[in-house]
N, C-alpha and C. Protein backbone atom coordinates (compact mmCIF):
# COMPACT_ATOMS: atom_id res chain seq x y z
N MET A 1 3.16 -17.60 -9.75
CA MET A 1 3.65 -17.94 -11.08
C MET A 1 4.60 -16.86 -11.59
N GLU A 2 4.28 -15.61 -11.29
CA GLU A 2 5.14 -14.52 -11.77
C GLU A 2 6.53 -14.61 -11.19
N VAL A 3 6.63 -14.88 -9.89
CA VAL A 3 7.93 -15.00 -9.23
C VAL A 3 8.67 -16.22 -9.77
N PHE A 4 7.95 -17.31 -9.96
CA PHE A 4 8.57 -18.56 -10.39
C PHE A 4 9.21 -18.43 -11.76
N HIS A 5 8.63 -17.64 -12.64
CA HIS A 5 9.13 -17.51 -14.01
C HIS A 5 10.12 -16.36 -14.19
N LEU A 6 10.50 -15.71 -13.12
CA LEU A 6 11.43 -14.59 -13.21
C LEU A 6 12.82 -15.06 -13.64
N GLY A 7 13.34 -14.44 -14.70
CA GLY A 7 14.67 -14.78 -15.19
C GLY A 7 15.66 -13.67 -14.88
N TRP A 8 16.96 -13.99 -14.89
CA TRP A 8 17.97 -12.97 -14.60
C TRP A 8 17.98 -11.87 -15.66
N ASN A 9 17.57 -12.22 -16.88
CA ASN A 9 17.50 -11.19 -17.91
C ASN A 9 16.34 -10.21 -17.67
N ASP A 10 15.44 -10.55 -16.73
CA ASP A 10 14.33 -9.66 -16.38
C ASP A 10 14.72 -8.65 -15.29
N VAL A 11 15.87 -8.87 -14.67
CA VAL A 11 16.33 -7.93 -13.64
C VAL A 11 17.12 -6.85 -14.34
N LEU A 12 16.54 -5.68 -14.46
CA LEU A 12 17.16 -4.56 -15.17
C LEU A 12 17.91 -3.70 -14.15
N TRP A 13 19.10 -4.19 -13.79
CA TRP A 13 19.89 -3.59 -12.71
C TRP A 13 20.08 -2.09 -12.90
N ASP A 14 20.47 -1.70 -14.11
CA ASP A 14 20.80 -0.29 -14.35
C ASP A 14 19.58 0.62 -14.33
N GLN A 15 18.37 0.05 -14.49
CA GLN A 15 17.15 0.85 -14.47
C GLN A 15 16.42 0.78 -13.13
N GLY A 16 16.91 -0.08 -12.24
CA GLY A 16 16.28 -0.21 -10.92
C GLY A 16 14.90 -0.83 -10.96
N LYS A 17 14.66 -1.71 -11.94
CA LYS A 17 13.35 -2.35 -12.01
C LYS A 17 13.45 -3.78 -12.51
N VAL A 18 12.37 -4.51 -12.32
CA VAL A 18 12.26 -5.91 -12.72
C VAL A 18 11.11 -6.04 -13.70
N ARG A 19 11.36 -6.76 -14.80
CA ARG A 19 10.31 -7.03 -15.78
C ARG A 19 9.57 -8.29 -15.32
N VAL A 20 8.27 -8.19 -15.16
CA VAL A 20 7.46 -9.31 -14.67
C VAL A 20 6.59 -9.82 -15.81
N HIS A 21 6.72 -11.11 -16.11
CA HIS A 21 5.86 -11.76 -17.12
C HIS A 21 4.57 -12.18 -16.42
N ILE A 22 3.45 -11.93 -17.08
CA ILE A 22 2.15 -12.16 -16.45
C ILE A 22 1.40 -13.26 -17.21
N PRO A 23 1.57 -14.51 -16.82
CA PRO A 23 0.88 -15.61 -17.51
C PRO A 23 -0.64 -15.45 -17.51
N LYS A 24 -1.17 -14.88 -16.44
CA LYS A 24 -2.63 -14.76 -16.29
C LYS A 24 -3.24 -13.87 -17.37
N THR A 25 -2.53 -12.83 -17.80
CA THR A 25 -3.11 -11.88 -18.76
C THR A 25 -2.29 -11.78 -20.05
N GLN A 26 -1.39 -12.74 -20.29
CA GLN A 26 -0.50 -12.64 -21.45
C GLN A 26 -1.24 -12.71 -22.78
N HIS A 27 -2.45 -13.24 -22.80
CA HIS A 27 -3.22 -13.33 -24.05
C HIS A 27 -3.87 -11.99 -24.42
N HIS A 28 -3.79 -10.97 -23.53
CA HIS A 28 -4.29 -9.63 -23.84
C HIS A 28 -3.14 -8.76 -24.30
N GLU A 29 -3.31 -8.08 -25.41
CA GLU A 29 -2.24 -7.24 -25.93
C GLU A 29 -1.91 -6.11 -24.95
N GLY A 30 -0.62 -5.93 -24.69
CA GLY A 30 -0.15 -4.91 -23.76
C GLY A 30 -0.21 -5.34 -22.31
N LYS A 31 -0.68 -6.56 -22.04
CA LYS A 31 -0.80 -7.06 -20.66
C LYS A 31 0.13 -8.25 -20.42
N GLU A 32 1.13 -8.41 -21.29
CA GLU A 32 2.03 -9.56 -21.16
C GLU A 32 3.07 -9.35 -20.08
N ILE A 33 3.48 -8.10 -19.90
CA ILE A 33 4.51 -7.79 -18.90
C ILE A 33 4.16 -6.50 -18.19
N ARG A 34 4.80 -6.31 -17.05
CA ARG A 34 4.75 -5.04 -16.33
C ARG A 34 6.10 -4.88 -15.65
N TYR A 35 6.36 -3.71 -15.10
CA TYR A 35 7.62 -3.44 -14.44
C TYR A 35 7.37 -3.05 -12.99
N VAL A 36 8.23 -3.55 -12.11
CA VAL A 36 8.14 -3.19 -10.69
C VAL A 36 9.52 -2.71 -10.24
N PRO A 37 9.57 -1.82 -9.25
CA PRO A 37 10.87 -1.34 -8.80
C PRO A 37 11.62 -2.42 -8.01
N ILE A 38 12.94 -2.39 -8.11
CA ILE A 38 13.75 -3.33 -7.33
C ILE A 38 13.70 -2.95 -5.86
N GLY A 39 13.85 -1.66 -5.57
CA GLY A 39 13.71 -1.17 -4.20
C GLY A 39 14.54 -1.91 -3.18
N ASP A 40 13.88 -2.27 -2.07
CA ASP A 40 14.61 -2.86 -0.95
C ASP A 40 14.95 -4.33 -1.12
N ILE A 41 14.60 -4.95 -2.24
CA ILE A 41 15.01 -6.35 -2.46
C ILE A 41 16.35 -6.43 -3.19
N LEU A 42 16.94 -5.29 -3.53
CA LEU A 42 18.21 -5.27 -4.26
C LEU A 42 19.29 -6.13 -3.60
N PRO A 43 19.55 -6.01 -2.29
CA PRO A 43 20.61 -6.82 -1.69
C PRO A 43 20.35 -8.33 -1.82
N TYR A 44 19.08 -8.72 -1.75
CA TYR A 44 18.73 -10.15 -1.85
C TYR A 44 18.91 -10.65 -3.28
N LEU A 45 18.54 -9.81 -4.24
CA LEU A 45 18.74 -10.16 -5.65
C LEU A 45 20.23 -10.28 -5.96
N GLU A 46 21.02 -9.33 -5.47
CA GLU A 46 22.47 -9.37 -5.71
C GLU A 46 23.09 -10.62 -5.09
N ALA A 47 22.68 -10.96 -3.88
CA ALA A 47 23.22 -12.17 -3.21
C ALA A 47 22.84 -13.42 -3.99
N ALA A 48 21.58 -13.51 -4.43
CA ALA A 48 21.13 -14.67 -5.20
C ALA A 48 21.88 -14.76 -6.53
N PHE A 49 22.10 -13.62 -7.16
CA PHE A 49 22.82 -13.61 -8.44
C PHE A 49 24.26 -14.08 -8.26
N ASN A 50 24.91 -13.61 -7.20
CA ASN A 50 26.30 -13.99 -6.94
C ASN A 50 26.45 -15.45 -6.57
N GLU A 51 25.40 -16.05 -6.00
CA GLU A 51 25.44 -17.46 -5.60
C GLU A 51 24.91 -18.40 -6.69
N ALA A 52 24.34 -17.85 -7.74
CA ALA A 52 23.73 -18.68 -8.80
C ALA A 52 24.82 -19.45 -9.56
N GLU A 53 24.46 -20.65 -10.00
CA GLU A 53 25.36 -21.46 -10.82
C GLU A 53 25.57 -20.75 -12.16
N PRO A 54 26.78 -20.81 -12.68
CA PRO A 54 27.03 -20.19 -14.01
C PRO A 54 26.08 -20.77 -15.06
N GLY A 55 25.53 -19.90 -15.89
CA GLY A 55 24.62 -20.31 -16.95
C GLY A 55 23.18 -20.44 -16.53
N THR A 56 22.90 -20.19 -15.25
CA THR A 56 21.51 -20.27 -14.76
C THR A 56 20.72 -19.08 -15.29
N ASP A 57 19.59 -19.38 -15.91
CA ASP A 57 18.79 -18.28 -16.46
C ASP A 57 17.65 -17.84 -15.56
N ARG A 58 17.18 -18.72 -14.66
CA ARG A 58 16.05 -18.37 -13.80
C ARG A 58 16.53 -17.97 -12.41
N VAL A 59 15.79 -17.07 -11.78
CA VAL A 59 16.13 -16.64 -10.43
C VAL A 59 15.85 -17.77 -9.44
N ILE A 60 14.69 -18.41 -9.57
CA ILE A 60 14.33 -19.51 -8.68
C ILE A 60 14.58 -20.82 -9.43
N THR A 61 15.55 -21.59 -8.95
CA THR A 61 15.92 -22.84 -9.63
C THR A 61 15.70 -24.06 -8.75
N ARG A 62 15.37 -23.85 -7.51
CA ARG A 62 15.29 -24.95 -6.55
C ARG A 62 14.12 -25.89 -6.83
N PHE A 63 13.09 -25.40 -7.48
CA PHE A 63 11.90 -26.20 -7.72
C PHE A 63 11.71 -26.42 -9.21
N SER A 64 11.11 -27.53 -9.57
CA SER A 64 10.97 -27.88 -10.98
C SER A 64 9.90 -27.04 -11.64
N ARG A 65 9.96 -26.99 -12.97
CA ARG A 65 8.96 -26.23 -13.73
C ARG A 65 7.58 -26.87 -13.66
N SER A 66 7.48 -28.09 -13.12
CA SER A 66 6.18 -28.74 -13.01
C SER A 66 5.31 -28.07 -11.94
N ASN A 67 5.93 -27.30 -11.05
CA ASN A 67 5.14 -26.56 -10.05
C ASN A 67 4.36 -25.46 -10.76
N SER A 68 3.05 -25.46 -10.58
CA SER A 68 2.27 -24.40 -11.21
C SER A 68 2.38 -23.12 -10.39
N THR A 69 2.56 -23.26 -9.08
CA THR A 69 2.77 -22.11 -8.22
C THR A 69 3.80 -22.48 -7.16
N LEU A 70 4.20 -21.53 -6.38
CA LEU A 70 5.17 -21.78 -5.31
C LEU A 70 4.50 -21.86 -3.94
N ASP A 71 3.18 -21.95 -3.88
CA ASP A 71 2.48 -21.96 -2.60
C ASP A 71 2.96 -23.10 -1.68
N LYS A 72 2.97 -24.32 -2.19
CA LYS A 72 3.36 -25.46 -1.35
C LYS A 72 4.83 -25.38 -0.91
N PRO A 73 5.76 -25.13 -1.84
CA PRO A 73 7.15 -24.98 -1.39
C PRO A 73 7.33 -23.82 -0.41
N PHE A 74 6.62 -22.72 -0.63
CA PHE A 74 6.74 -21.57 0.25
C PHE A 74 6.23 -21.93 1.65
N LYS A 75 5.12 -22.64 1.72
CA LYS A 75 4.57 -23.07 3.01
C LYS A 75 5.59 -23.94 3.75
N THR A 76 6.25 -24.83 3.03
CA THR A 76 7.27 -25.69 3.63
C THR A 76 8.42 -24.86 4.19
N ILE A 77 8.84 -23.84 3.44
CA ILE A 77 9.94 -22.96 3.89
C ILE A 77 9.53 -22.19 5.15
N VAL A 78 8.31 -21.68 5.17
CA VAL A 78 7.81 -20.93 6.33
C VAL A 78 7.78 -21.83 7.57
N GLU A 79 7.29 -23.05 7.41
CA GLU A 79 7.22 -23.99 8.52
C GLU A 79 8.61 -24.39 9.00
N ALA A 80 9.55 -24.59 8.06
CA ALA A 80 10.93 -24.94 8.41
C ALA A 80 11.60 -23.82 9.20
N ALA A 81 11.16 -22.60 8.99
CA ALA A 81 11.70 -21.45 9.72
C ALA A 81 11.07 -21.32 11.11
N GLY A 82 10.16 -22.23 11.45
CA GLY A 82 9.52 -22.21 12.76
C GLY A 82 8.36 -21.26 12.86
N LEU A 83 7.82 -20.84 11.72
CA LEU A 83 6.69 -19.91 11.70
C LEU A 83 5.42 -20.64 11.30
N VAL A 84 4.30 -20.02 11.60
CA VAL A 84 3.00 -20.58 11.21
C VAL A 84 2.60 -19.93 9.90
N PRO A 85 2.36 -20.72 8.85
CA PRO A 85 1.94 -20.12 7.57
C PRO A 85 0.63 -19.36 7.73
N TRP A 86 0.56 -18.22 7.07
CA TRP A 86 -0.63 -17.39 7.12
C TRP A 86 -1.52 -17.73 5.93
N PRO A 87 -2.79 -17.38 5.98
CA PRO A 87 -3.67 -17.67 4.84
C PRO A 87 -3.23 -16.92 3.59
N LYS A 88 -3.47 -17.51 2.45
CA LYS A 88 -3.19 -16.88 1.15
C LYS A 88 -1.78 -16.27 1.14
N LEU A 89 -0.78 -17.12 1.22
CA LEU A 89 0.60 -16.68 1.41
C LEU A 89 1.03 -15.53 0.50
N PHE A 90 0.92 -15.73 -0.80
CA PHE A 90 1.40 -14.71 -1.72
C PHE A 90 0.46 -13.51 -1.80
N GLN A 91 -0.85 -13.76 -1.77
CA GLN A 91 -1.80 -12.65 -1.87
C GLN A 91 -1.64 -11.70 -0.68
N ASN A 92 -1.43 -12.25 0.51
CA ASN A 92 -1.26 -11.39 1.68
C ASN A 92 0.08 -10.66 1.66
N LEU A 93 1.12 -11.27 1.10
CA LEU A 93 2.38 -10.55 0.93
C LEU A 93 2.19 -9.39 -0.04
N ARG A 94 1.46 -9.64 -1.11
CA ARG A 94 1.18 -8.57 -2.08
C ARG A 94 0.39 -7.44 -1.43
N ALA A 95 -0.61 -7.80 -0.61
CA ALA A 95 -1.42 -6.78 0.06
C ALA A 95 -0.56 -5.94 1.00
N SER A 96 0.34 -6.58 1.74
CA SER A 96 1.21 -5.85 2.66
C SER A 96 2.14 -4.91 1.89
N CYS A 97 2.72 -5.41 0.81
CA CYS A 97 3.61 -4.60 -0.01
C CYS A 97 2.85 -3.41 -0.59
N GLU A 98 1.67 -3.67 -1.11
CA GLU A 98 0.88 -2.60 -1.73
C GLU A 98 0.52 -1.53 -0.70
N THR A 99 0.15 -1.96 0.50
CA THR A 99 -0.19 -1.00 1.55
C THR A 99 1.02 -0.17 1.94
N GLU A 100 2.19 -0.80 2.04
CA GLU A 100 3.42 -0.05 2.37
C GLU A 100 3.74 0.98 1.30
N TRP A 101 3.60 0.59 0.03
CA TRP A 101 3.87 1.55 -1.05
C TRP A 101 2.90 2.73 -1.00
N LEU A 102 1.63 2.43 -0.74
CA LEU A 102 0.64 3.51 -0.64
C LEU A 102 0.96 4.42 0.55
N ASP A 103 1.33 3.80 1.67
CA ASP A 103 1.67 4.58 2.87
C ASP A 103 2.89 5.46 2.66
N SER A 104 3.76 5.06 1.74
CA SER A 104 4.97 5.86 1.50
C SER A 104 4.66 7.14 0.74
N GLY A 105 3.42 7.25 0.24
CA GLY A 105 3.02 8.47 -0.45
C GLY A 105 2.97 8.33 -1.96
N LEU A 106 3.26 7.14 -2.48
CA LEU A 106 3.17 6.94 -3.93
C LEU A 106 1.72 7.04 -4.39
N PRO A 107 1.48 7.61 -5.57
CA PRO A 107 0.10 7.70 -6.07
C PRO A 107 -0.52 6.32 -6.27
N ALA A 108 -1.81 6.21 -6.01
CA ALA A 108 -2.51 4.93 -6.10
C ALA A 108 -2.40 4.33 -7.49
N HIS A 109 -2.48 5.15 -8.55
CA HIS A 109 -2.43 4.59 -9.90
C HIS A 109 -1.06 4.00 -10.22
N VAL A 110 0.00 4.57 -9.64
CA VAL A 110 1.35 4.02 -9.86
C VAL A 110 1.49 2.68 -9.17
N VAL A 111 1.06 2.62 -7.91
CA VAL A 111 1.14 1.37 -7.15
C VAL A 111 0.31 0.28 -7.81
N ALA A 112 -0.90 0.63 -8.25
CA ALA A 112 -1.77 -0.35 -8.91
C ALA A 112 -1.10 -0.88 -10.19
N ASN A 113 -0.46 0.00 -10.94
CA ASN A 113 0.24 -0.41 -12.16
C ASN A 113 1.37 -1.38 -11.84
N TRP A 114 2.15 -1.07 -10.83
CA TRP A 114 3.26 -1.95 -10.45
C TRP A 114 2.74 -3.32 -9.99
N MET A 115 1.59 -3.32 -9.31
CA MET A 115 1.04 -4.58 -8.80
C MET A 115 0.31 -5.36 -9.88
N GLY A 116 -0.08 -4.69 -10.95
CA GLY A 116 -0.72 -5.39 -12.06
C GLY A 116 -2.22 -5.46 -11.99
N HIS A 117 -2.84 -4.47 -11.37
CA HIS A 117 -4.30 -4.44 -11.37
C HIS A 117 -4.77 -2.98 -11.35
N SER A 118 -6.07 -2.78 -11.28
CA SER A 118 -6.64 -1.43 -11.30
C SER A 118 -6.70 -0.86 -9.88
N VAL A 119 -6.94 0.45 -9.80
CA VAL A 119 -7.10 1.08 -8.50
C VAL A 119 -8.35 0.54 -7.80
N LYS A 120 -9.38 0.20 -8.58
CA LYS A 120 -10.59 -0.39 -7.99
C LYS A 120 -10.27 -1.72 -7.31
N VAL A 121 -9.51 -2.58 -8.00
CA VAL A 121 -9.12 -3.86 -7.40
C VAL A 121 -8.24 -3.60 -6.18
N GLN A 122 -7.36 -2.60 -6.30
CA GLN A 122 -6.50 -2.22 -5.17
C GLN A 122 -7.34 -1.91 -3.93
N ASN A 123 -8.36 -1.06 -4.12
CA ASN A 123 -9.21 -0.66 -3.00
C ASN A 123 -10.07 -1.80 -2.49
N ASP A 124 -10.56 -2.63 -3.39
CA ASP A 124 -11.46 -3.71 -3.01
C ASP A 124 -10.74 -4.89 -2.35
N SER A 125 -9.50 -5.17 -2.78
CA SER A 125 -8.87 -6.44 -2.39
C SER A 125 -7.50 -6.35 -1.73
N TYR A 126 -6.78 -5.26 -1.88
CA TYR A 126 -5.39 -5.25 -1.43
C TYR A 126 -5.06 -4.20 -0.38
N ALA A 127 -5.45 -2.95 -0.60
CA ALA A 127 -5.08 -1.89 0.35
C ALA A 127 -5.72 -2.18 1.70
N GLN A 128 -4.91 -2.11 2.75
CA GLN A 128 -5.37 -2.48 4.09
C GLN A 128 -5.37 -1.27 5.02
N VAL A 129 -6.24 -1.32 6.01
CA VAL A 129 -6.23 -0.35 7.10
C VAL A 129 -5.96 -1.14 8.36
N ASP A 130 -4.90 -0.76 9.08
CA ASP A 130 -4.61 -1.47 10.32
C ASP A 130 -4.17 -0.48 11.41
N ASP A 131 -3.74 -1.00 12.55
CA ASP A 131 -3.46 -0.16 13.72
C ASP A 131 -2.39 0.90 13.47
N HIS A 132 -1.42 0.61 12.60
CA HIS A 132 -0.36 1.61 12.40
C HIS A 132 -0.91 2.89 11.77
N HIS A 133 -2.01 2.79 11.02
CA HIS A 133 -2.62 3.99 10.45
C HIS A 133 -3.18 4.88 11.56
N PHE A 134 -3.83 4.27 12.55
CA PHE A 134 -4.36 5.04 13.68
C PHE A 134 -3.23 5.67 14.48
N GLU A 135 -2.18 4.88 14.73
CA GLU A 135 -1.04 5.38 15.50
C GLU A 135 -0.38 6.55 14.79
N ARG A 136 -0.19 6.43 13.48
CA ARG A 136 0.45 7.50 12.72
C ARG A 136 -0.40 8.77 12.73
N PHE A 137 -1.70 8.60 12.53
CA PHE A 137 -2.61 9.75 12.53
C PHE A 137 -2.61 10.43 13.89
N ASN A 138 -2.71 9.63 14.95
CA ASN A 138 -2.76 10.19 16.30
C ASN A 138 -1.45 10.87 16.68
N SER A 139 -0.33 10.36 16.21
CA SER A 139 0.95 10.99 16.54
C SER A 139 1.07 12.36 15.87
N VAL A 140 0.47 12.54 14.71
CA VAL A 140 0.48 13.85 14.03
C VAL A 140 -0.34 14.84 14.83
N THR A 141 -1.54 14.43 15.27
CA THR A 141 -2.41 15.37 15.98
C THR A 141 -1.90 15.67 17.38
N GLU A 142 -1.19 14.71 18.01
CA GLU A 142 -0.64 14.96 19.35
C GLU A 142 0.50 15.97 19.31
N LYS A 143 1.24 16.02 18.21
CA LYS A 143 2.39 16.90 18.10
C LYS A 143 1.98 18.31 17.70
N GLY A 144 0.73 18.54 17.47
CA GLY A 144 0.26 19.86 17.06
C GLY A 144 -0.21 19.82 15.63
N GLY A 145 -0.76 20.90 15.18
CA GLY A 145 -1.32 20.92 13.84
C GLY A 145 -2.72 20.33 13.89
N THR A 146 -3.26 20.08 12.75
CA THR A 146 -4.61 19.55 12.67
C THR A 146 -4.54 18.15 12.10
N PRO A 147 -5.59 17.35 12.26
CA PRO A 147 -5.58 16.02 11.66
C PRO A 147 -5.25 16.11 10.18
N GLY A 148 -4.39 15.24 9.73
CA GLY A 148 -3.97 15.26 8.34
C GLY A 148 -2.67 16.02 8.17
N GLY A 149 -2.16 16.66 9.23
CA GLY A 149 -0.87 17.29 9.17
C GLY A 149 -0.85 18.70 8.61
N THR A 150 -2.01 19.34 8.43
CA THR A 150 -2.00 20.70 7.91
C THR A 150 -1.56 21.65 9.01
N VAL A 151 -1.14 22.83 8.64
CA VAL A 151 -0.68 23.82 9.62
C VAL A 151 -1.51 25.08 9.46
N GLU A 152 -1.49 25.91 10.49
CA GLU A 152 -2.21 27.16 10.44
C GLU A 152 -1.58 28.09 9.41
N PRO A 153 -2.37 28.88 8.68
CA PRO A 153 -1.79 29.82 7.73
C PRO A 153 -1.00 30.91 8.45
N ARG A 154 0.00 31.46 7.77
CA ARG A 154 0.81 32.53 8.36
C ARG A 154 -0.02 33.77 8.64
N ASN A 155 -0.88 34.09 7.71
CA ASN A 155 -1.68 35.29 7.84
C ASN A 155 -3.03 34.93 8.44
N ALA A 156 -3.17 35.17 9.74
CA ALA A 156 -4.39 34.78 10.43
C ALA A 156 -5.62 35.52 9.90
N ALA A 157 -5.42 36.67 9.27
CA ALA A 157 -6.55 37.43 8.74
C ALA A 157 -7.27 36.66 7.64
N LYS A 158 -6.58 35.73 6.98
CA LYS A 158 -7.19 34.97 5.89
C LYS A 158 -7.95 33.75 6.40
N ARG A 159 -7.88 33.51 7.69
CA ARG A 159 -8.55 32.35 8.26
C ARG A 159 -10.07 32.51 8.19
N PRO A 160 -10.82 31.46 7.82
CA PRO A 160 -12.28 31.60 7.81
C PRO A 160 -12.81 31.67 9.24
N LYS A 161 -14.00 32.26 9.37
CA LYS A 161 -14.65 32.26 10.68
C LYS A 161 -14.96 30.81 11.03
N VAL A 162 -14.82 30.51 12.30
CA VAL A 162 -15.10 29.14 12.72
C VAL A 162 -16.06 29.15 13.89
N ALA A 163 -16.83 28.09 13.96
CA ALA A 163 -17.71 27.90 15.11
C ALA A 163 -17.07 26.84 15.98
N HIS A 164 -17.04 27.06 17.26
CA HIS A 164 -16.44 26.10 18.19
C HIS A 164 -17.57 25.32 18.85
N HIS A 165 -17.57 24.02 18.61
CA HIS A 165 -18.64 23.18 19.17
C HIS A 165 -18.07 21.88 19.70
N LYS A 166 -18.77 21.31 20.64
CA LYS A 166 -18.41 20.00 21.17
C LYS A 166 -19.70 19.20 21.24
N VAL A 167 -19.63 17.93 20.85
CA VAL A 167 -20.82 17.08 20.89
C VAL A 167 -20.78 16.27 22.18
N ARG A 168 -21.87 16.31 22.92
CA ARG A 168 -22.00 15.55 24.16
C ARG A 168 -23.23 14.66 24.04
N LYS A 169 -23.23 13.57 24.77
CA LYS A 169 -24.41 12.70 24.82
C LYS A 169 -24.96 12.73 26.24
N ASN A 170 -26.30 12.75 26.33
CA ASN A 170 -26.91 12.71 27.66
C ASN A 170 -27.20 11.26 28.03
N ALA A 171 -27.89 11.04 29.12
CA ALA A 171 -28.15 9.68 29.61
C ALA A 171 -28.96 8.86 28.63
N ASP A 172 -29.78 9.52 27.79
CA ASP A 172 -30.59 8.81 26.80
C ASP A 172 -29.85 8.61 25.49
N ASN A 173 -28.55 8.89 25.50
CA ASN A 173 -27.70 8.74 24.31
C ASN A 173 -28.09 9.69 23.19
N GLN A 174 -28.70 10.84 23.55
CA GLN A 174 -29.04 11.85 22.57
C GLN A 174 -27.86 12.81 22.44
N CYS A 175 -27.57 13.22 21.23
CA CYS A 175 -26.44 14.11 20.98
C CYS A 175 -26.90 15.56 21.02
N PHE A 176 -26.09 16.42 21.61
CA PHE A 176 -26.34 17.85 21.52
C PHE A 176 -24.99 18.55 21.52
N SER A 177 -24.99 19.79 21.09
CA SER A 177 -23.75 20.53 20.86
C SER A 177 -23.47 21.51 22.00
N MET A 178 -22.19 21.62 22.37
CA MET A 178 -21.76 22.58 23.38
C MET A 178 -20.74 23.52 22.73
N ARG A 179 -20.64 24.75 23.21
CA ARG A 179 -19.69 25.72 22.68
C ARG A 179 -18.34 25.57 23.35
N ASN A 180 -17.34 26.27 22.77
CA ASN A 180 -16.01 26.40 23.34
C ASN A 180 -15.25 25.07 23.45
N THR A 181 -14.90 24.55 22.34
CA THR A 181 -14.04 23.36 22.31
C THR A 181 -12.99 23.55 21.25
N SER A 182 -12.06 22.64 21.16
CA SER A 182 -10.97 22.79 20.20
C SER A 182 -11.33 22.25 18.82
N TYR A 183 -12.50 21.64 18.67
CA TYR A 183 -12.91 21.14 17.37
C TYR A 183 -13.44 22.30 16.57
N ARG A 184 -12.93 22.50 15.35
CA ARG A 184 -13.32 23.68 14.59
C ARG A 184 -13.93 23.30 13.25
N VAL A 185 -15.08 23.86 12.96
CA VAL A 185 -15.76 23.65 11.69
C VAL A 185 -16.10 25.02 11.14
N ALA A 186 -15.80 25.26 9.87
CA ALA A 186 -16.11 26.55 9.27
C ALA A 186 -17.60 26.82 9.35
N VAL A 187 -17.97 28.09 9.54
CA VAL A 187 -19.38 28.48 9.69
C VAL A 187 -20.18 28.01 8.49
N GLU A 188 -19.58 28.11 7.29
CA GLU A 188 -20.34 27.72 6.10
C GLU A 188 -20.48 26.21 5.97
N GLY A 189 -19.88 25.45 6.85
CA GLY A 189 -20.01 24.00 6.85
C GLY A 189 -18.87 23.33 6.11
N LEU A 190 -18.93 22.03 6.01
CA LEU A 190 -17.88 21.27 5.36
C LEU A 190 -17.98 21.31 3.84
N GLU A 191 -19.19 21.41 3.33
CA GLU A 191 -19.39 21.44 1.89
C GLU A 191 -19.49 22.88 1.39
N PRO A 192 -19.05 23.15 0.16
CA PRO A 192 -19.22 24.50 -0.35
C PRO A 192 -20.70 24.82 -0.55
N PRO A 193 -21.07 26.09 -0.45
CA PRO A 193 -22.49 26.44 -0.60
C PRO A 193 -23.01 26.11 -1.99
N THR A 194 -24.27 25.69 -2.07
CA THR A 194 -24.90 25.37 -3.34
C THR A 194 -25.83 26.51 -3.71
N ARG A 195 -25.65 27.07 -4.89
CA ARG A 195 -26.49 28.18 -5.33
C ARG A 195 -27.92 27.72 -5.54
N GLY A 196 -28.85 28.56 -5.22
CA GLY A 196 -30.26 28.26 -5.46
C GLY A 196 -30.95 27.57 -4.32
N LEU A 197 -30.21 27.23 -3.27
CA LEU A 197 -30.87 26.57 -2.14
C LEU A 197 -31.06 27.54 -1.01
């Protein structure tokens, strides 16, 4: 519905953002609209604007206002392109977009605001973990450094003492620790010490 009701006056070219009207929450004060960045859809918006009939106020004009959503027309377009429609067409596009924005390093609260929901909803329903996350993480550790991309401090004297351990399993699937491995855990453990214990 949000895409369907997008008007050309909602495309704020000079500000690099689009004003989105939110029919679902418009009855709540301050929840009638939100703004999203134009980003990588700019060339498509410009092409659509240049091809639009003079006097056209809506971005999507091909379908009548009687459509409550664009799910059915979108499915038809996907099939006409020779592709198999995926489940929850728009919701899954939103989830992919949200995951890409998060992966780019944008703060979760900013991405959630642009998408029009809370960080809790983002975590529960939209943010995805897939194979590219494993590949990206593994490529960082293979190139050196530690998982997460941190680097060794310049002054080695400031480094905490570390215990070198390796976990092995025996034939009974019992775990035990071996010394001298590249896995490093600070002697004081992962958590800071708790006073009084």
